[in-house]
Every structure is written in C-alpha cells, then in structure tokens.
Amino acid sequence: TRSHHITERSKHRRPSRLAERMAAAVALASPLRRLLHFPCPRRAIPAPLRFFARGRCDVALAVSAAAVGDSSAKGGVHRHVIEEVMDILDMAQRASQRRDVFHTSFLTPPIIAEAMLAIEKLADIKAVAQGGYPQAERCRISAGHPDSMRSDPDVVAALSISGNFRLEPCSHGDFLGAILGAGITREKVGDILLQGERGAQVLVDPELVDYLTSTLEKVGKVGVSCTQIPLLAIEYEPPRTKSFKTVESSLRVDAVASAGFKISRTKLGSMISSGDVRVNWSLVSKSGATLKAGDVVSVSGMGRLKIGEIVTTKKGKYVIQLIQYL
C-alpha cells in the first residue's frame, strides 16, 4: 500500500547532519560510549540510525535503557543523567542554529560533567558552566554558537541571608527548606555557603532575586533579611587537602580507596554494595572498577579523595598520588 511504501522509504532516509553530530557526540563521550558498545572511539557511527523529528535517535533511547542495568561500568551513568544530557544537547544545537544562547537550570556534578564532555564533540557550539564561584558544585550551563558566546552570560546571582543564628544555629537543609518553602524549585537554587552565626550566602537564578528579597523572612525560628550581593563578595575557602602516596598492585577502586581512607578492602567492598561509594559523583557498582588520574572518589561519611599522578614501576605496580580533602 501507499502508506507501507512511505514507511519503507522513511526507514532508509538519511539522518540529518544535526542528528548525526548529536549521536556522534554521545557515542564518543565517556562513559556514555561504553553504554553504546563502540569498541573504537574513532570508528564511524554504525548505520542505519533512525532519527526522530525532535533530533534524537533510537540508539540514544537504547542508551537510557542500558544505563539502568549496566552494573559493569565504573560510575555507571543513570537514566536521568542520560536524559538530561540529551535534552541539553538538543537545546544547545537548536540555540546554535539560531545564533542564540541556551541556559540550563542549576545542574548536579554528574550531569555537568557528562554534558560538557558531550558538547565538546559538537562543532559550532561553545559552552560554559557557571556556579557563581570557582569551586561551585551546582552550576548552570550556557551553550550556543561561538559568535553569541563572546562573554560569559550573567546567569547566577548571589544572595546574603543574614540573622542572629548564635542561639539557633541552622543547617544547610534549614536554609534550603526555607527557600523551597517560599515556592522555589530546587533546580533554581545553586550552592548554599554557610557562614556560622551570620547566616548563609546562596546562589540562585537572577530571576528570583526580587521575589526572595521581598518574601524570605525566616529560616527555622530565626528572623532574617535577604539582600543581593555581588558575586565577588562570595566568601568561600579553598578546600584544604593533604597529599600522600600509596603503592598498589592494581588500580581497582577497592584497592586504591581502601588505602586512601585507611579501611580494609572488605569493608570498602561492603560500602560499594550498599551504595556508599561514588566515582566522579556517580555510584560505583563493582569493586573491580578501575580508576585513572583525575578521578574523584567519595565515600559516605568519610569524605573525598582525588587520584593524582600514577607511575608504573618496573615490577608492574602502581605508585599513586592521593589528594584527600580535609
């Protein structure tokens, strides 16, 4: 029938250059590449790929499904991370074509890392992640055509929430709860920097400044005043660290992290099984996952450490520099 022939022709229709480039970006980005099972990062994307009108492909949806059950990959990418990254790639490509700039809400570190890695593989798109200060964890990504990104967009504002917290100290959760209680969604709020008895400094979407400065009156039981401050007035301390070296026979996460946190490999293995260990902010599912220089390992209740320089000895062992955050 005529409809059958149309369907057959659509199956063999060549994907657009936009869709090809987006698929290539996802395919080449690690660890998303592992989920697509591409053995060689330079190999052309297998064909045929059937693309939807919205600029996504069947294989991208397969990535989302595979991510849930992929327990073999170190720091396996979760479904929601992949979906967020695909949305960001889609909107970034559209913005670039319009010579416009697209801004995300505040994102978590895993999404920021994967999105920036994928965007690097796309031509004619520039992206920058901003959280208001150099060590911000929650950031907004701005992406668009390079001609439209000649300066960093103004997408983060800083608020000072001050009050007398000496007798009624408040936690990070108290400040966040007060903001969310005012009707603000979490993705509109960045980092919250506690200032002890004085209160806290909060990074937010600039669109919320007028609303919060006029409506936020209490945090817990403490009356507060909320005012906008320049980003340069943000008070943060560079993280304190200590560096040391360990010699290990492998780069397995259980071997390296147990040495870094000074606990047994058995205990660390149990913590991995219970979901208490993350690498680069993503859950680790297997003790045998391998680490590389630059990886950040987090263990619940014990802190974080970063993998520094790795040197292989003549006997095949590894001298690993560990940088522990205090």
C-alpha atoms as a PDB file:
ATOM      1  CA  THR A   1       0.000   0.000   0.000  1.00  0.00           C
ATOM      2  CA  ARG A   2       0.959   3.647  -0.328  1.00  0.00           C
ATOM      3  CA  SER A   3       1.384   4.067   3.433  1.00  0.00           C
ATOM      4  CA  HIS A   4       3.565   0.951   3.508  1.00  0.00           C
ATOM      5  CA  HIS A   5       5.869   2.405   0.826  1.00  0.00           C
ATOM      6  CA  ILE A   6       6.108   5.685   2.714  1.00  0.00           C
ATOM      7  CA  THR A   7       7.073   3.812   5.856  1.00  0.00           C
ATOM      8  CA  GLU A   8       9.715   1.822   3.983  1.00  0.00           C
ATOM      9  CA  ARG A   9      11.190   4.981   2.452  1.00  0.00           C
ATOM     10  CA  SER A  10      11.313   6.682   5.856  1.00  0.00           C
ATOM     11  CA  LYS A  11      13.289   3.766   7.267  1.00  0.00           C
ATOM     12  CA  HIS A  12      16.061   4.361   4.750  1.00  0.00           C
ATOM     13  CA  ARG A  13      16.001   8.141   4.884  1.00  0.00           C
ATOM     14  CA  ARG A  14      19.428   9.566   5.580  1.00  0.00           C
ATOM     15  CA  PRO A  15      19.654  11.154   9.050  1.00  0.00           C
ATOM     16  CA  SER A  16      20.206  14.909   9.147  1.00  0.00           C
ATOM     17  CA  ARG A  17      23.657  16.348   9.822  1.00  0.00           C
ATOM     18  CA  LEU A  18      22.316  17.743  13.099  1.00  0.00           C
ATOM     19  CA  ALA A  19      21.202  14.316  14.284  1.00  0.00           C
ATOM     20  CA  GLU A  20      24.423  12.653  13.113  1.00  0.00           C
ATOM     21  CA  ARG A  21      26.559  15.113  15.044  1.00  0.00           C
ATOM     22  CA  MET A  22      24.481  14.729  18.192  1.00  0.00           C
ATOM     23  CA  ALA A  23      24.711  10.951  18.005  1.00  0.00           C
ATOM     24  CA  ALA A  24      28.458  11.170  17.419  1.00  0.00           C
ATOM     25  CA  ALA A  25      28.868  13.394  20.459  1.00  0.00           C
ATOM     26  CA  VAL A  26      27.066  10.924  22.684  1.00  0.00           C
ATOM     27  CA  ALA A  27      28.858   7.966  21.145  1.00  0.00           C
ATOM     28  CA  LEU A  28      32.297   9.475  21.673  1.00  0.00           C
ATOM     29  CA  ALA A  29      31.672  10.787  25.186  1.00  0.00           C
ATOM     30  CA  SER A  30      32.875   8.554  28.009  1.00  0.00           C
ATOM     31  CA  PRO A  31      31.326   6.787  29.863  1.00  0.00           C
ATOM     32  CA  LEU A  32      28.325   7.064  27.519  1.00  0.00           C
ATOM     33  CA  ARG A  33      30.459   5.443  24.814  1.00  0.00           C
ATOM     34  CA  ARG A  34      30.664   2.230  26.839  1.00  0.00           C
ATOM     35  CA  LEU A  35      26.899   2.002  27.002  1.00  0.00           C
ATOM     36  CA  LEU A  36      26.717   2.203  23.221  1.00  0.00           C
ATOM     37  CA  HIS A  37      29.291  -0.605  22.949  1.00  0.00           C
ATOM     38  CA  PHE A  38      31.565   1.217  20.492  1.00  0.00           C
ATOM     39  CA  PRO A  39      34.921  -0.600  20.687  1.00  0.00           C
ATOM     40  CA  CYS A  40      36.832   2.185  18.943  1.00  0.00           C
ATOM     41  CA  PRO A  41      36.134   5.897  19.530  1.00  0.00           C
ATOM     42  CA  ARG A  42      37.298   6.803  16.013  1.00  0.00           C
ATOM     43  CA  ARG A  43      35.058   4.310  14.242  1.00  0.00           C
ATOM     44  CA  ALA A  44      32.176   5.794  12.290  1.00  0.00           C
ATOM     45  CA  ILE A  45      28.747   5.627  13.889  1.00  0.00           C
ATOM     46  CA  PRO A  46      27.087   2.372  12.741  1.00  0.00           C
ATOM     47  CA  ALA A  47      24.248   2.773  10.265  1.00  0.00           C
ATOM     48  CA  PRO A  48      21.406   2.857   9.849  1.00  0.00           C
ATOM     49  CA  LEU A  49      20.331   5.155  12.682  1.00  0.00           C
ATOM     50  CA  ARG A  50      16.701   6.235  12.526  1.00  0.00           C
ATOM     51  CA  PHE A  51      16.137   9.707  13.919  1.00  0.00           C
ATOM     52  CA  PHE A  52      13.021  11.322  15.260  1.00  0.00           C
ATOM     53  CA  ALA A  53      11.970  14.822  14.246  1.00  0.00           C
ATOM     54  CA  ARG A  54      12.965  16.215  17.646  1.00  0.00           C
ATOM     55  CA  GLY A  55      16.616  15.427  16.905  1.00  0.00           C
ATOM     56  CA  ARG A  56      17.076  12.264  18.973  1.00  0.00           C
ATOM     57  CA  CYS A  57      17.891   8.796  17.762  1.00  0.00           C
ATOM     58  CA  ASP A  58      16.797   5.266  18.588  1.00  0.00           C
ATOM     59  CA  VAL A  59      20.250   4.406  19.857  1.00  0.00           C
ATOM     60  CA  ALA A  60      20.109   7.308  22.337  1.00  0.00           C
ATOM     61  CA  LEU A  61      16.941   5.858  23.806  1.00  0.00           C
ATOM     62  CA  ALA A  62      18.673   2.493  23.970  1.00  0.00           C
ATOM     63  CA  VAL A  63      21.438   4.154  25.973  1.00  0.00           C
ATOM     64  CA  SER A  64      18.874   5.264  28.545  1.00  0.00           C
ATOM     65  CA  ALA A  65      17.574   1.733  28.927  1.00  0.00           C
ATOM     66  CA  ALA A  66      21.035   0.178  29.004  1.00  0.00           C
ATOM     67  CA  ALA A  67      22.255   2.591  31.673  1.00  0.00           C
ATOM     68  CA  VAL A  68      19.814   1.249  34.247  1.00  0.00           C
ATOM     69  CA  GLY A  69      21.069  -2.307  34.031  1.00  0.00           C
ATOM     70  CA  ASP A  70      24.715  -1.645  33.294  1.00  0.00           C
ATOM     71  CA  SER A  71      26.382  -2.681  36.530  1.00  0.00           C
ATOM     72  CA  SER A  72      29.732  -3.422  34.951  1.00  0.00           C
ATOM     73  CA  ALA A  73      30.745   0.129  34.097  1.00  0.00           C
ATOM     74  CA  LYS A  74      32.570   2.069  36.757  1.00  0.00           C
ATOM     75  CA  GLY A  75      30.424   5.006  37.821  1.00  0.00           C
ATOM     76  CA  GLY A  76      27.566   3.760  35.638  1.00  0.00           C
ATOM     77  CA  VAL A  77      25.541   6.553  34.063  1.00  0.00           C
ATOM     78  CA  HIS A  78      21.984   6.631  35.355  1.00  0.00           C
ATOM     79  CA  ARG A  79      18.870   7.022  33.238  1.00  0.00           C
ATOM     80  CA  HIS A  80      18.078  10.530  34.489  1.00  0.00           C
ATOM     81  CA  VAL A  81      21.639  11.702  33.736  1.00  0.00           C
ATOM     82  CA  ILE A  82      21.440  10.458  30.143  1.00  0.00           C
ATOM     83  CA  GLU A  83      18.010  12.013  29.642  1.00  0.00           C
ATOM     84  CA  GLU A  84      19.225  15.362  30.997  1.00  0.00           C
ATOM     85  CA  VAL A  85      22.331  15.273  28.792  1.00  0.00           C
ATOM     86  CA  MET A  86      20.270  14.501  25.682  1.00  0.00           C
ATOM     87  CA  ASP A  87      17.935  17.411  26.476  1.00  0.00           C
ATOM     88  CA  ILE A  88      20.915  19.749  26.893  1.00  0.00           C
ATOM     89  CA  LEU A  89      22.490  18.603  23.608  1.00  0.00           C
ATOM     90  CA  ASP A  90      19.184  19.065  21.820  1.00  0.00           C
ATOM     91  CA  MET A  91      18.635  22.597  23.128  1.00  0.00           C
ATOM     92  CA  ALA A  92      22.282  23.597  22.627  1.00  0.00           C
ATOM     93  CA  GLN A  93      22.136  22.548  18.973  1.00  0.00           C
ATOM     94  CA  ARG A  94      18.908  24.468  18.420  1.00  0.00           C
ATOM     95  CA  ALA A  95      20.356  27.575  20.083  1.00  0.00           C
ATOM     96  CA  SER A  96      23.494  27.361  17.937  1.00  0.00           C
ATOM     97  CA  GLN A  97      21.453  27.176  14.744  1.00  0.00           C
ATOM     98  CA  ARG A  98      19.516  30.295  15.783  1.00  0.00           C
ATOM     99  CA  ARG A  99      22.732  32.102  16.784  1.00  0.00           C
ATOM    100  CA  ASP A 100      21.211  32.215  20.258  1.00  0.00           C
ATOM    101  CA  VAL A 101      22.314  31.106  23.750  1.00  0.00           C
ATOM    102  CA  PHE A 102      20.581  28.418  25.812  1.00  0.00           C
ATOM    103  CA  HIS A 103      20.802  28.358  29.629  1.00  0.00           C
ATOM    104  CA  THR A 104      20.081  25.332  31.802  1.00  0.00           C
ATOM    105  CA  SER A 105      18.847  25.399  35.366  1.00  0.00           C
ATOM    106  CA  PHE A 106      21.334  24.514  38.112  1.00  0.00           C
ATOM    107  CA  LEU A 107      22.663  21.007  37.467  1.00  0.00           C
ATOM    108  CA  THR A 108      24.332  18.372  39.619  1.00  0.00           C
ATOM    109  CA  PRO A 109      28.027  17.492  39.073  1.00  0.00           C
ATOM    110  CA  PRO A 110      27.412  14.207  37.152  1.00  0.00           C
ATOM    111  CA  ILE A 111      25.149  15.924  34.625  1.00  0.00           C
ATOM    112  CA  ILE A 112      27.543  18.865  34.247  1.00  0.00           C
ATOM    113  CA  ALA A 113      30.493  16.551  33.605  1.00  0.00           C
ATOM    114  CA  GLU A 114      28.697  14.392  31.016  1.00  0.00           C
ATOM    115  CA  ALA A 115      27.055  17.338  29.233  1.00  0.00           C
ATOM    116  CA  MET A 116      30.269  19.352  28.918  1.00  0.00           C
ATOM    117  CA  LEU A 117      32.118  16.271  27.660  1.00  0.00           C
ATOM    118  CA  ALA A 118      29.459  15.619  25.014  1.00  0.00           C
ATOM    119  CA  ILE A 119      29.207  19.253  23.902  1.00  0.00           C
ATOM    120  CA  GLU A 120      32.975  19.326  23.304  1.00  0.00           C
ATOM    121  CA  LYS A 121      32.420  16.843  20.463  1.00  0.00           C
ATOM    122  CA  LEU A 122      29.913  19.069  18.665  1.00  0.00           C
ATOM    123  CA  ALA A 123      31.044  21.618  16.106  1.00  0.00           C
ATOM    124  CA  ASP A 124      29.853  25.237  16.193  1.00  0.00           C
ATOM    125  CA  ILE A 125      28.832  25.087  19.853  1.00  0.00           C
ATOM    126  CA  LYS A 126      30.545  26.763  22.775  1.00  0.00           C
ATOM    127  CA  ALA A 127      29.545  26.026  26.363  1.00  0.00           C
ATOM    128  CA  VAL A 128      30.479  27.347  29.789  1.00  0.00           C
ATOM    129  CA  ALA A 129      29.440  26.115  33.249  1.00  0.00           C
ATOM    130  CA  GLN A 130      28.979  28.740  35.969  1.00  0.00           C
ATOM    131  CA  GLY A 131      28.081  28.382  39.615  1.00  0.00           C
ATOM    132  CA  GLY A 132      28.979  31.825  40.942  1.00  0.00           C
ATOM    133  CA  TYR A 133      32.426  30.994  42.341  1.00  0.00           C
ATOM    134  CA  PRO A 134      35.353  28.814  41.209  1.00  0.00           C
ATOM    135  CA  GLN A 135      34.602  25.698  43.276  1.00  0.00           C
ATOM    136  CA  ALA A 136      30.824  25.634  42.876  1.00  0.00           C
ATOM    137  CA  GLU A 137      29.323  22.149  42.639  1.00  0.00           C
ATOM    138  CA  ARG A 138      25.908  23.090  41.285  1.00  0.00           C
ATOM    139  CA  CYS A 139      26.301  25.055  38.050  1.00  0.00           C
ATOM    140  CA  ARG A 140      24.301  26.329  35.097  1.00  0.00           C
ATOM    141  CA  ILE A 141      25.470  25.528  31.576  1.00  0.00           C
ATOM    142  CA  SER A 142      25.171  28.197  28.891  1.00  0.00           C
ATOM    143  CA  ALA A 143      25.588  26.916  25.337  1.00  0.00           C
ATOM    144  CA  GLY A 144      25.227  28.364  21.871  1.00  0.00           C
ATOM    145  CA  HIS A 145      27.041  29.448  18.740  1.00  0.00           C
ATOM    146  CA  PRO A 146      30.558  30.810  19.445  1.00  0.00           C
ATOM    147  CA  ASP A 147      29.605  34.164  17.890  1.00  0.00           C
ATOM    148  CA  SER A 148      26.890  34.528  20.539  1.00  0.00           C
ATOM    149  CA  MET A 149      29.166  33.474  23.419  1.00  0.00           C
ATOM    150  CA  ARG A 150      31.868  36.139  23.342  1.00  0.00           C
ATOM    151  CA  SER A 151      31.500  36.731  27.090  1.00  0.00           C
ATOM    152  CA  ASP A 152      30.220  34.643  29.989  1.00  0.00           C
ATOM    153  CA  PRO A 153      26.447  35.124  30.376  1.00  0.00           C
ATOM    154  CA  ASP A 154      25.083  36.653  33.574  1.00  0.00           C
ATOM    155  CA  VAL A 155      23.089  33.640  34.788  1.00  0.00           C
ATOM    156  CA  VAL A 156      23.907  33.395  38.506  1.00  0.00           C
ATOM    157  CA  ALA A 157      23.061  35.825  41.310  1.00  0.00           C
ATOM    158  CA  ALA A 158      24.184  35.809  44.945  1.00  0.00           C
ATOM    159  CA  LEU A 159      22.036  36.456  47.998  1.00  0.00           C
ATOM    160  CA  SER A 160      23.064  37.070  51.592  1.00  0.00           C
ATOM    161  CA  ILE A 161      20.636  35.672  54.166  1.00  0.00           C
ATOM    162  CA  SER A 162      21.579  37.225  57.487  1.00  0.00           C
ATOM    163  CA  GLY A 163      20.235  36.897  61.018  1.00  0.00           C
ATOM    164  CA  ASN A 164      21.269  36.071  64.574  1.00  0.00           C
ATOM    165  CA  PHE A 165      21.943  32.337  64.433  1.00  0.00           C
ATOM    166  CA  ARG A 166      24.075  32.219  67.579  1.00  0.00           C
ATOM    167  CA  LEU A 167      21.353  30.676  69.745  1.00  0.00           C
ATOM    168  CA  GLU A 168      19.500  28.925  66.920  1.00  0.00           C
ATOM    169  CA  PRO A 169      22.124  27.523  64.518  1.00  0.00           C
ATOM    170  CA  CYS A 170      20.681  26.418  61.189  1.00  0.00           C
ATOM    171  CA  SER A 171      21.938  23.788  58.777  1.00  0.00           C
ATOM    172  CA  HIS A 172      22.222  23.668  55.003  1.00  0.00           C
ATOM    173  CA  GLY A 173      18.880  21.856  54.963  1.00  0.00           C
ATOM    174  CA  ASP A 174      17.228  24.609  57.021  1.00  0.00           C
ATOM    175  CA  PHE A 175      18.229  27.312  54.544  1.00  0.00           C
ATOM    176  CA  LEU A 176      17.262  25.181  51.560  1.00  0.00           C
ATOM    177  CA  GLY A 177      13.948  24.297  53.197  1.00  0.00           C
ATOM    178  CA  ALA A 178      13.138  27.964  53.793  1.00  0.00           C
ATOM    179  CA  ILE A 179      13.792  28.789  50.134  1.00  0.00           C
ATOM    180  CA  LEU A 180      11.813  25.829  48.817  1.00  0.00           C
ATOM    181  CA  GLY A 181       9.047  26.688  51.280  1.00  0.00           C
ATOM    182  CA  ALA A 182       8.734  30.033  49.513  1.00  0.00           C
ATOM    183  CA  GLY A 183       7.654  28.156  46.388  1.00  0.00           C
ATOM    184  CA  ILE A 184      11.045  27.925  44.657  1.00  0.00           C
ATOM    185  CA  THR A 185      12.023  24.694  42.894  1.00  0.00           C
ATOM    186  CA  ARG A 186      15.374  23.036  43.654  1.00  0.00           C
ATOM    187  CA  GLU A 187      16.805  23.495  40.162  1.00  0.00           C
ATOM    188  CA  LYS A 188      16.623  27.290  40.589  1.00  0.00           C
ATOM    189  CA  VAL A 189      18.987  27.179  43.578  1.00  0.00           C
ATOM    190  CA  GLY A 190      22.740  26.631  43.407  1.00  0.00           C
ATOM    191  CA  ASP A 191      25.208  26.159  46.250  1.00  0.00           C
ATOM    192  CA  ILE A 192      24.479  27.299  49.796  1.00  0.00           C
ATOM    193  CA  LEU A 193      27.526  28.541  51.718  1.00  0.00           C
ATOM    194  CA  LEU A 194      27.021  28.571  55.489  1.00  0.00           C
ATOM    195  CA  GLN A 195      28.522  31.463  57.465  1.00  0.00           C
ATOM    196  CA  GLY A 196      28.018  30.222  61.006  1.00  0.00           C
ATOM    197  CA  GLU A 197      26.264  32.697  63.306  1.00  0.00           C
ATOM    198  CA  ARG A 198      25.821  35.237  60.499  1.00  0.00           C
ATOM    199  CA  GLY A 199      23.670  33.111  58.204  1.00  0.00           C
ATOM    200  CA  ALA A 200      24.460  31.963  54.662  1.00  0.00           C
ATOM    201  CA  GLN A 201      25.176  33.046  51.112  1.00  0.00           C
ATOM    202  CA  VAL A 202      23.051  31.434  48.411  1.00  0.00           C
ATOM    203  CA  LEU A 203      23.475  31.250  44.624  1.00  0.00           C
ATOM    204  CA  VAL A 204      20.214  31.492  42.687  1.00  0.00           C
ATOM    205  CA  ASP A 205      18.702  32.202  39.291  1.00  0.00           C
ATOM    206  CA  PRO A 206      18.762  36.022  38.829  1.00  0.00           C
ATOM    207  CA  GLU A 207      15.025  35.973  38.066  1.00  0.00           C
ATOM    208  CA  LEU A 208      14.343  35.047  41.707  1.00  0.00           C
ATOM    209  CA  VAL A 209      16.265  37.883  43.355  1.00  0.00           C
ATOM    210  CA  ASP A 210      13.387  40.355  43.702  1.00  0.00           C
ATOM    211  CA  TYR A 211      10.975  37.678  44.882  1.00  0.00           C
ATOM    212  CA  LEU A 212      13.248  36.199  47.542  1.00  0.00           C
ATOM    213  CA  THR A 213      14.494  39.530  48.877  1.00  0.00           C
ATOM    214  CA  SER A 214      10.892  40.605  49.442  1.00  0.00           C
ATOM    215  CA  THR A 215       9.384  37.362  50.775  1.00  0.00           C
ATOM    216  CA  LEU A 216      12.045  35.395  52.686  1.00  0.00           C
ATOM    217  CA  GLU A 217      11.643  36.387  56.339  1.00  0.00           C
ATOM    218  CA  LYS A 218      12.515  33.294  58.382  1.00  0.00           C
ATOM    219  CA  VAL A 219      14.924  30.378  58.399  1.00  0.00           C
ATOM    220  CA  GLY A 220      13.838  27.930  61.049  1.00  0.00           C
ATOM    221  CA  LYS A 221      12.834  30.115  64.004  1.00  0.00           C
ATOM    222  CA  VAL A 222      15.251  32.927  63.150  1.00  0.00           C
ATOM    223  CA  GLY A 223      14.097  36.136  61.521  1.00  0.00           C
ATOM    224  CA  VAL A 224      16.283  37.013  58.537  1.00  0.00           C
ATOM    225  CA  SER A 225      16.920  39.705  55.979  1.00  0.00           C
ATOM    226  CA  CYS A 226      17.703  38.719  52.403  1.00  0.00           C
ATOM    227  CA  THR A 227      19.727  41.031  50.159  1.00  0.00           C
ATOM    228  CA  GLN A 228      21.540  40.698  46.853  1.00  0.00           C
ATOM    229  CA  ILE A 229      25.333  40.884  46.915  1.00  0.00           C
ATOM    230  CA  PRO A 230      27.931  40.927  44.102  1.00  0.00           C
ATOM    231  CA  LEU A 231      29.405  37.587  43.097  1.00  0.00           C
ATOM    232  CA  LEU A 232      32.809  38.962  44.084  1.00  0.00           C
ATOM    233  CA  ALA A 233      31.523  39.214  47.673  1.00  0.00           C
ATOM    234  CA  ILE A 234      31.010  35.450  47.906  1.00  0.00           C
ATOM    235  CA  GLU A 235      33.031  34.125  50.842  1.00  0.00           C
ATOM    236  CA  TYR A 236      34.443  30.679  50.282  1.00  0.00           C
ATOM    237  CA  GLU A 237      37.533  28.901  51.440  1.00  0.00           C
ATOM    238  CA  PRO A 238      39.681  26.896  49.026  1.00  0.00           C
ATOM    239  CA  PRO A 239      39.476  23.254  50.085  1.00  0.00           C
ATOM    240  CA  ARG A 240      42.146  22.069  52.500  1.00  0.00           C
ATOM    241  CA  THR A 241      43.922  18.956  51.288  1.00  0.00           C
ATOM    242  CA  LYS A 242      46.748  16.634  52.157  1.00  0.00           C
ATOM    243  CA  SER A 243      48.703  14.594  49.644  1.00  0.00           C
ATOM    244  CA  PHE A 244      50.337  11.209  50.100  1.00  0.00           C
ATOM    245  CA  LYS A 245      51.345   8.215  48.002  1.00  0.00           C
ATOM    246  CA  THR A 246      50.450   4.561  48.048  1.00  0.00           C
ATOM    247  CA  VAL A 247      51.847   1.601  46.122  1.00  0.00           C
ATOM    248  CA  GLU A 248      49.228  -0.818  44.810  1.00  0.00           C
ATOM    249  CA  SER A 249      49.259  -3.852  42.544  1.00  0.00           C
ATOM    250  CA  SER A 250      46.146  -2.658  40.670  1.00  0.00           C
ATOM    251  CA  LEU A 251      44.044   0.436  40.048  1.00  0.00           C
ATOM    252  CA  ARG A 252      40.864  -1.182  41.339  1.00  0.00           C
ATOM    253  CA  VAL A 253      38.660   1.200  43.259  1.00  0.00           C
ATOM    254  CA  ASP A 254      38.561  -1.074  46.313  1.00  0.00           C
ATOM    255  CA  ALA A 255      42.375  -1.263  46.464  1.00  0.00           C
ATOM    256  CA  VAL A 256      43.060   2.435  45.957  1.00  0.00           C
ATOM    257  CA  ALA A 257      40.185   3.830  48.019  1.00  0.00           C
ATOM    258  CA  SER A 258      40.798   1.482  50.951  1.00  0.00           C
ATOM    259  CA  ALA A 259      44.392   2.743  51.059  1.00  0.00           C
ATOM    260  CA  GLY A 260      43.249   6.349  50.789  1.00  0.00           C
ATOM    261  CA  PHE A 261      40.608   6.132  53.509  1.00  0.00           C
ATOM    262  CA  LYS A 262      42.644   3.652  55.586  1.00  0.00           C
ATOM    263  CA  ILE A 263      39.985   0.968  55.819  1.00  0.00           C
ATOM    264  CA  SER A 264      40.013  -2.678  54.774  1.00  0.00           C
ATOM    265  CA  ARG A 265      39.156  -3.712  51.232  1.00  0.00           C
ATOM    266  CA  THR A 266      36.435  -5.952  52.653  1.00  0.00           C
ATOM    267  CA  LYS A 267      34.752  -3.026  54.386  1.00  0.00           C
ATOM    268  CA  LEU A 268      35.037  -0.842  51.304  1.00  0.00           C
ATOM    269  CA  GLY A 269      33.544  -3.637  49.202  1.00  0.00           C
ATOM    270  CA  SER A 270      30.563  -3.748  51.563  1.00  0.00           C
ATOM    271  CA  MET A 271      30.161   0.020  51.256  1.00  0.00           C
ATOM    272  CA  ILE A 272      30.197  -0.278  47.461  1.00  0.00           C
ATOM    273  CA  SER A 273      27.464  -2.916  47.663  1.00  0.00           C
ATOM    274  CA  SER A 274      25.359  -0.662  49.891  1.00  0.00           C
ATOM    275  CA  GLY A 275      25.690   2.318  47.523  1.00  0.00           C
ATOM    276  CA  ASP A 276      28.006   4.412  49.694  1.00  0.00           C
ATOM    277  CA  VAL A 277      30.841   4.857  47.172  1.00  0.00           C
ATOM    278  CA  ARG A 278      30.869   7.187  44.179  1.00  0.00           C
ATOM    279  CA  VAL A 279      33.424   7.995  41.498  1.00  0.00           C
ATOM    280  CA  ASN A 280      33.045  11.407  39.871  1.00  0.00           C
ATOM    281  CA  TRP A 281      29.679  11.722  41.671  1.00  0.00           C
ATOM    282  CA  SER A 282      28.275   8.549  40.082  1.00  0.00           C
ATOM    283  CA  LEU A 283      27.595   5.365  42.043  1.00  0.00           C
ATOM    284  CA  VAL A 284      30.154   2.579  41.742  1.00  0.00           C
ATOM    285  CA  SER A 285      28.586  -0.829  41.255  1.00  0.00           C
ATOM    286  CA  LYS A 286      31.633  -3.141  41.303  1.00  0.00           C
ATOM    287  CA  SER A 287      34.744  -3.342  43.450  1.00  0.00           C
ATOM    288  CA  GLY A 288      36.818  -4.161  40.372  1.00  0.00           C
ATOM    289  CA  ALA A 289      36.131  -0.856  38.616  1.00  0.00           C
ATOM    290  CA  THR A 290      39.433   0.804  37.682  1.00  0.00           C
ATOM    291  CA  LEU A 291      40.477   4.366  38.438  1.00  0.00           C
ATOM    292  CA  LYS A 292      42.563   6.869  36.495  1.00  0.00           C
ATOM    293  CA  ALA A 293      44.318  10.143  37.230  1.00  0.00           C
ATOM    294  CA  GLY A 294      41.828  12.925  37.925  1.00  0.00           C
ATOM    295  CA  ASP A 295      39.044  10.696  39.272  1.00  0.00           C
ATOM    296  CA  VAL A 296      37.358  11.806  42.499  1.00  0.00           C
ATOM    297  CA  VAL A 297      36.267   9.068  44.910  1.00  0.00           C
ATOM    298  CA  SER A 298      33.609   9.861  47.523  1.00  0.00           C
ATOM    299  CA  VAL A 299      32.713   7.588  50.441  1.00  0.00           C
ATOM    300  CA  SER A 300      29.672   8.416  52.560  1.00  0.00           C
ATOM    301  CA  GLY A 301      30.694   9.631  55.998  1.00  0.00           C
ATOM    302  CA  MET A 302      34.409   9.570  55.149  1.00  0.00           C
ATOM    303  CA  GLY A 303      34.903  12.376  52.636  1.00  0.00           C
ATOM    304  CA  ARG A 304      36.534  12.603  49.217  1.00  0.00           C
ATOM    305  CA  LEU A 305      39.908  11.996  47.638  1.00  0.00           C
ATOM    306  CA  LYS A 306      41.292  12.729  44.192  1.00  0.00           C
ATOM    307  CA  ILE A 307      43.583  10.479  42.195  1.00  0.00           C
ATOM    308  CA  GLY A 308      46.758  12.357  41.297  1.00  0.00           C
ATOM    309  CA  GLU A 309      49.751  11.200  39.273  1.00  0.00           C
ATOM    310  CA  ILE A 310      50.076   7.462  38.600  1.00  0.00           C
ATOM    311  CA  VAL A 311      53.517   5.978  37.910  1.00  0.00           C
ATOM    312  CA  THR A 312      54.104   2.351  36.916  1.00  0.00           C
ATOM    313  CA  THR A 313      57.144   0.681  38.479  1.00  0.00           C
ATOM    314  CA  LYS A 314      59.469  -1.787  36.764  1.00  0.00           C
ATOM    315  CA  LYS A 315      57.735  -4.584  38.661  1.00  0.00           C
ATOM    316  CA  GLY A 316      54.344  -3.608  37.268  1.00  0.00           C
ATOM    317  CA  LYS A 317      52.994  -1.963  40.397  1.00  0.00           C
ATOM    318  CA  TYR A 318      51.460   1.494  40.622  1.00  0.00           C
ATOM    319  CA  VAL A 319      52.707   4.427  42.676  1.00  0.00           C
ATOM    320  CA  ILE A 320      49.572   6.524  43.127  1.00  0.00           C
ATOM    321  CA  GLN A 321      49.385  10.053  44.458  1.00  0.00           C
ATOM    322  CA  LEU A 322      46.247  10.569  46.539  1.00  0.00           C
ATOM    323  CA  ILE A 323      44.895  14.012  47.398  1.00  0.00           C
ATOM    324  CA  GLN A 324      42.494  13.870  50.326  1.00  0.00           C
ATOM    325  CA  TYR A 325      40.031  16.675  51.014  1.00  0.00           C
ATOM    326  CA  LEU A 326      40.016  17.562  54.714  1.00  0.00           C
END
